[in-house]
């Protein structure tokens, strides 16, 4: 499954595929850049379908955060499984993002 932008909900979201890794870099960047003019101040990154992520995914999340910081958009990481949440906490991403 590929990465999809969802704009039909109350807040825009990027829904990730089963793997969030180095092969996702260009597609993920294109998705978040397509939301450059969002009016909402919250963007959800939905890990519902994601079973695997590598270290490049952490870099992609930081890049997205940097992109939206100047627009005062808060990024929420949502629906991550326990393994991915553990990686995010160990990497101290819970200090940079809201993780639900």
N, C-alpha and C. Protein backbone atom coordinates (compact mmCIF):
# COMPACT_ATOMS: atom_id res chain seq x y z
N UNK A 1 0.84 -1.18 0.00
CA UNK A 1 0.00 0.00 0.00
C UNK A 1 0.88 1.24 0.00
N UNK A 2 0.49 2.22 -0.72
CA UNK A 2 1.28 3.43 -0.82
C UNK A 2 0.84 4.45 0.23
N UNK A 3 1.52 5.55 0.27
CA UNK A 3 1.21 6.63 1.19
C UNK A 3 0.12 7.49 0.56
N UNK A 4 -0.91 7.83 1.35
CA UNK A 4 -2.07 8.54 0.84
C UNK A 4 -2.34 9.77 1.69
N UNK A 5 -2.71 10.87 1.05
CA UNK A 5 -3.13 12.07 1.76
C UNK A 5 -4.64 12.01 1.89
N UNK A 6 -5.12 12.19 3.12
CA UNK A 6 -6.57 12.21 3.39
C UNK A 6 -6.95 13.63 3.80
N UNK A 7 -7.81 14.27 3.02
CA UNK A 7 -8.25 15.61 3.36
C UNK A 7 -9.75 15.67 3.61
N UNK A 8 -10.37 14.50 3.67
CA UNK A 8 -11.82 14.47 3.83
C UNK A 8 -12.26 14.48 5.29
N UNK A 9 -11.32 14.38 6.21
CA UNK A 9 -11.67 14.38 7.62
C UNK A 9 -11.58 15.79 8.17
N UNK A 10 -11.86 15.92 9.46
CA UNK A 10 -11.79 17.22 10.11
C UNK A 10 -10.40 17.82 10.01
N UNK A 11 -9.40 16.98 10.18
CA UNK A 11 -8.01 17.41 10.04
C UNK A 11 -7.36 16.59 8.94
N UNK A 12 -6.46 17.20 8.18
CA UNK A 12 -5.78 16.43 7.14
C UNK A 12 -4.90 15.36 7.76
N UNK A 13 -4.67 14.30 6.99
CA UNK A 13 -3.87 13.18 7.48
C UNK A 13 -3.05 12.59 6.34
N UNK A 14 -1.92 12.03 6.71
CA UNK A 14 -1.12 11.24 5.79
C UNK A 14 -1.18 9.81 6.31
N UNK A 15 -1.73 8.93 5.51
CA UNK A 15 -1.86 7.53 5.89
C UNK A 15 -0.73 6.74 5.26
N UNK A 16 0.10 6.15 6.10
CA UNK A 16 1.27 5.42 5.64
C UNK A 16 0.91 4.00 5.22
N UNK A 17 1.76 3.42 4.41
CA UNK A 17 1.59 2.04 3.98
C UNK A 17 2.18 1.06 4.98
N UNK A 18 2.29 -0.19 4.58
CA UNK A 18 2.77 -1.24 5.48
C UNK A 18 4.23 -1.03 5.87
N UNK A 19 5.03 -0.50 4.96
CA UNK A 19 6.45 -0.23 5.24
C UNK A 19 6.70 1.27 5.11
N UNK A 20 7.33 1.84 6.11
CA UNK A 20 7.73 3.25 6.09
C UNK A 20 9.25 3.24 6.19
N UNK A 21 9.90 3.26 5.03
CA UNK A 21 11.34 3.08 5.01
C UNK A 21 11.97 3.94 3.91
N UNK A 22 13.24 3.69 3.64
CA UNK A 22 14.00 4.48 2.68
C UNK A 22 13.29 4.59 1.33
N UNK A 23 12.60 3.55 0.93
CA UNK A 23 11.89 3.57 -0.36
C UNK A 23 10.69 4.51 -0.37
N UNK A 24 10.31 5.04 0.79
CA UNK A 24 9.16 5.93 0.91
C UNK A 24 9.53 7.41 0.89
N UNK A 25 10.81 7.72 0.84
CA UNK A 25 11.26 9.10 1.01
C UNK A 25 10.56 10.06 0.05
N UNK A 26 10.66 9.82 -1.22
CA UNK A 26 10.10 10.76 -2.21
C UNK A 26 8.59 10.86 -2.12
N UNK A 27 7.94 9.73 -1.94
CA UNK A 27 6.47 9.74 -1.87
C UNK A 27 5.99 10.47 -0.61
N UNK A 28 6.64 10.23 0.52
CA UNK A 28 6.25 10.90 1.76
C UNK A 28 6.46 12.41 1.64
N UNK A 29 7.60 12.81 1.09
CA UNK A 29 7.87 14.24 0.91
C UNK A 29 6.82 14.89 0.01
N UNK A 30 6.49 14.24 -1.08
CA UNK A 30 5.48 14.78 -1.99
C UNK A 30 4.13 14.92 -1.29
N UNK A 31 3.81 13.97 -0.43
CA UNK A 31 2.53 14.03 0.29
C UNK A 31 2.49 15.21 1.25
N UNK A 32 3.53 15.36 2.08
CA UNK A 32 3.44 16.46 3.04
C UNK A 32 3.62 17.82 2.36
N UNK A 33 4.40 17.89 1.30
CA UNK A 33 4.52 19.16 0.59
C UNK A 33 3.22 19.55 -0.11
N UNK A 34 2.41 18.56 -0.48
CA UNK A 34 1.11 18.86 -1.10
C UNK A 34 0.15 19.52 -0.11
N UNK A 35 0.48 19.45 1.18
CA UNK A 35 -0.36 20.04 2.23
C UNK A 35 0.20 21.37 2.72
N UNK A 36 1.10 21.98 1.97
CA UNK A 36 1.78 23.21 2.39
C UNK A 36 0.81 24.33 2.74
N UNK A 37 -0.34 24.36 2.10
CA UNK A 37 -1.30 25.44 2.33
C UNK A 37 -2.48 25.04 3.20
N UNK A 38 -2.31 24.01 4.03
CA UNK A 38 -3.44 23.58 4.85
C UNK A 38 -3.83 24.69 5.82
N UNK A 39 -5.11 24.79 6.05
CA UNK A 39 -5.65 25.81 6.95
C UNK A 39 -5.68 25.34 8.39
N UNK A 40 -5.78 24.03 8.58
CA UNK A 40 -5.81 23.47 9.93
C UNK A 40 -4.44 23.56 10.56
N UNK A 41 -4.40 23.54 11.86
CA UNK A 41 -3.13 23.65 12.57
C UNK A 41 -2.67 22.30 13.12
N UNK A 42 -3.32 21.23 12.66
CA UNK A 42 -2.95 19.88 13.09
C UNK A 42 -2.88 18.98 11.87
N UNK A 43 -1.82 18.19 11.78
CA UNK A 43 -1.67 17.19 10.73
C UNK A 43 -1.43 15.85 11.40
N UNK A 44 -2.22 14.88 11.04
CA UNK A 44 -2.07 13.53 11.57
C UNK A 44 -1.25 12.69 10.61
N UNK A 45 -0.28 11.96 11.15
CA UNK A 45 0.41 10.94 10.38
C UNK A 45 -0.07 9.60 10.94
N UNK A 46 -0.80 8.89 10.12
CA UNK A 46 -1.52 7.69 10.55
C UNK A 46 -0.69 6.43 10.24
N UNK A 47 -0.28 5.75 11.29
CA UNK A 47 0.53 4.54 11.19
C UNK A 47 -0.34 3.27 11.25
N UNK A 48 -1.63 3.40 11.11
CA UNK A 48 -2.57 2.28 11.25
C UNK A 48 -2.13 1.04 10.46
N UNK A 49 -1.65 1.22 9.25
CA UNK A 49 -1.29 0.09 8.38
C UNK A 49 0.19 -0.27 8.44
N UNK A 50 0.97 0.49 9.18
CA UNK A 50 2.42 0.34 9.16
C UNK A 50 2.89 -0.75 10.12
N UNK A 51 3.64 -1.69 9.58
CA UNK A 51 4.18 -2.81 10.36
C UNK A 51 5.69 -2.71 10.53
N UNK A 52 6.33 -1.89 9.67
CA UNK A 52 7.79 -1.79 9.69
C UNK A 52 8.21 -0.37 9.37
N UNK A 53 9.21 0.12 10.12
CA UNK A 53 9.84 1.38 9.76
C UNK A 53 11.32 1.28 10.07
N UNK A 54 12.13 1.98 9.29
CA UNK A 54 13.57 1.95 9.52
C UNK A 54 14.03 3.34 9.98
N UNK A 55 15.33 3.50 10.15
CA UNK A 55 15.85 4.76 10.67
C UNK A 55 15.62 5.93 9.72
N UNK A 56 15.52 5.67 8.43
CA UNK A 56 15.25 6.77 7.50
C UNK A 56 13.86 7.34 7.73
N UNK A 57 12.94 6.54 8.24
CA UNK A 57 11.59 7.03 8.56
C UNK A 57 11.66 8.08 9.66
N UNK A 58 12.56 7.89 10.61
CA UNK A 58 12.73 8.89 11.66
C UNK A 58 13.19 10.22 11.05
N UNK A 59 14.11 10.15 10.11
CA UNK A 59 14.56 11.35 9.42
C UNK A 59 13.44 12.02 8.64
N UNK A 60 12.60 11.22 8.02
CA UNK A 60 11.48 11.77 7.25
C UNK A 60 10.50 12.50 8.17
N UNK A 61 10.27 11.94 9.35
CA UNK A 61 9.38 12.60 10.31
C UNK A 61 9.97 13.94 10.76
N UNK A 62 11.27 13.97 11.01
CA UNK A 62 11.93 15.23 11.40
C UNK A 62 11.84 16.25 10.27
N UNK A 63 12.04 15.82 9.03
CA UNK A 63 11.93 16.73 7.90
C UNK A 63 10.52 17.30 7.78
N UNK A 64 9.52 16.46 7.98
CA UNK A 64 8.13 16.94 7.92
C UNK A 64 7.87 17.94 9.04
N UNK A 65 8.37 17.65 10.23
CA UNK A 65 8.19 18.56 11.34
C UNK A 65 8.84 19.90 11.04
N UNK A 66 10.04 19.90 10.52
CA UNK A 66 10.73 21.14 10.16
C UNK A 66 9.94 21.92 9.10
N UNK A 67 9.40 21.21 8.14
CA UNK A 67 8.61 21.84 7.08
C UNK A 67 7.39 22.56 7.65
N UNK A 68 6.71 21.94 8.61
CA UNK A 68 5.48 22.51 9.15
C UNK A 68 5.69 23.44 10.35
N UNK A 69 6.87 23.41 10.96
CA UNK A 69 7.12 24.31 12.10
C UNK A 69 6.93 25.77 11.73
N UNK A 70 7.37 26.16 10.56
CA UNK A 70 7.23 27.57 10.13
C UNK A 70 5.78 27.94 9.86
N UNK A 71 4.93 26.95 9.71
CA UNK A 71 3.51 27.18 9.44
C UNK A 71 2.66 26.99 10.70
N UNK A 72 3.34 26.74 11.82
CA UNK A 72 2.67 26.51 13.11
C UNK A 72 1.66 25.37 13.04
N UNK A 73 2.02 24.31 12.34
CA UNK A 73 1.18 23.11 12.23
C UNK A 73 1.78 22.05 13.14
N UNK A 74 0.95 21.51 14.02
CA UNK A 74 1.36 20.45 14.94
C UNK A 74 1.15 19.10 14.27
N UNK A 75 2.15 18.23 14.38
CA UNK A 75 2.05 16.89 13.80
C UNK A 75 1.75 15.89 14.92
N UNK A 76 0.72 15.10 14.70
CA UNK A 76 0.33 14.05 15.63
C UNK A 76 0.59 12.70 14.97
N UNK A 77 1.33 11.86 15.65
CA UNK A 77 1.55 10.49 15.18
C UNK A 77 0.48 9.63 15.82
N UNK A 78 -0.31 8.98 14.99
CA UNK A 78 -1.49 8.28 15.48
C UNK A 78 -1.49 6.81 15.03
N UNK A 79 -2.04 5.96 15.86
CA UNK A 79 -2.30 4.55 15.54
C UNK A 79 -1.05 3.70 15.33
N UNK A 80 0.08 4.10 15.91
CA UNK A 80 1.29 3.28 15.78
C UNK A 80 1.16 2.04 16.66
N UNK A 81 1.65 0.91 16.16
CA UNK A 81 1.61 -0.30 16.97
C UNK A 81 2.65 -0.20 18.09
N UNK A 82 2.63 -1.13 19.01
CA UNK A 82 3.52 -1.07 20.18
C UNK A 82 4.99 -1.05 19.81
N UNK A 83 5.37 -1.81 18.81
CA UNK A 83 6.78 -1.87 18.40
C UNK A 83 7.23 -0.51 17.85
N UNK A 84 6.42 0.11 17.02
CA UNK A 84 6.78 1.41 16.45
C UNK A 84 6.76 2.49 17.53
N UNK A 85 5.79 2.43 18.43
CA UNK A 85 5.78 3.39 19.54
C UNK A 85 7.05 3.28 20.36
N UNK A 86 7.50 2.06 20.60
CA UNK A 86 8.72 1.85 21.37
C UNK A 86 9.92 2.49 20.67
N UNK A 87 10.02 2.31 19.36
CA UNK A 87 11.09 2.93 18.59
C UNK A 87 11.03 4.45 18.70
N UNK A 88 9.83 4.99 18.61
CA UNK A 88 9.66 6.45 18.69
C UNK A 88 10.04 6.98 20.07
N UNK A 89 9.67 6.28 21.10
CA UNK A 89 10.00 6.72 22.47
C UNK A 89 11.50 6.59 22.73
N UNK A 90 12.09 5.48 22.33
CA UNK A 90 13.54 5.31 22.50
C UNK A 90 14.30 6.41 21.77
N UNK A 91 13.78 6.82 20.62
CA UNK A 91 14.41 7.88 19.83
C UNK A 91 14.02 9.27 20.32
N UNK A 92 13.24 9.31 21.39
CA UNK A 92 12.80 10.55 22.04
C UNK A 92 11.87 11.40 21.17
N UNK A 93 11.19 10.75 20.25
CA UNK A 93 10.25 11.46 19.41
C UNK A 93 9.01 11.90 20.19
N UNK A 94 8.80 11.30 21.34
CA UNK A 94 7.67 11.72 22.17
C UNK A 94 7.89 13.14 22.71
N UNK A 95 9.10 13.66 22.63
CA UNK A 95 9.38 15.03 23.03
C UNK A 95 9.16 16.02 21.89
N UNK A 96 9.10 15.52 20.68
CA UNK A 96 8.95 16.38 19.49
C UNK A 96 7.55 16.31 18.87
N UNK A 97 6.89 15.18 19.09
CA UNK A 97 5.57 14.93 18.48
C UNK A 97 4.60 14.48 19.55
N UNK A 98 3.33 14.70 19.29
CA UNK A 98 2.32 14.06 20.12
C UNK A 98 2.09 12.68 19.52
N UNK A 99 2.23 11.65 20.36
CA UNK A 99 2.04 10.28 19.90
C UNK A 99 0.80 9.72 20.58
N UNK A 100 -0.13 9.28 19.78
CA UNK A 100 -1.39 8.73 20.31
C UNK A 100 -1.51 7.27 19.98
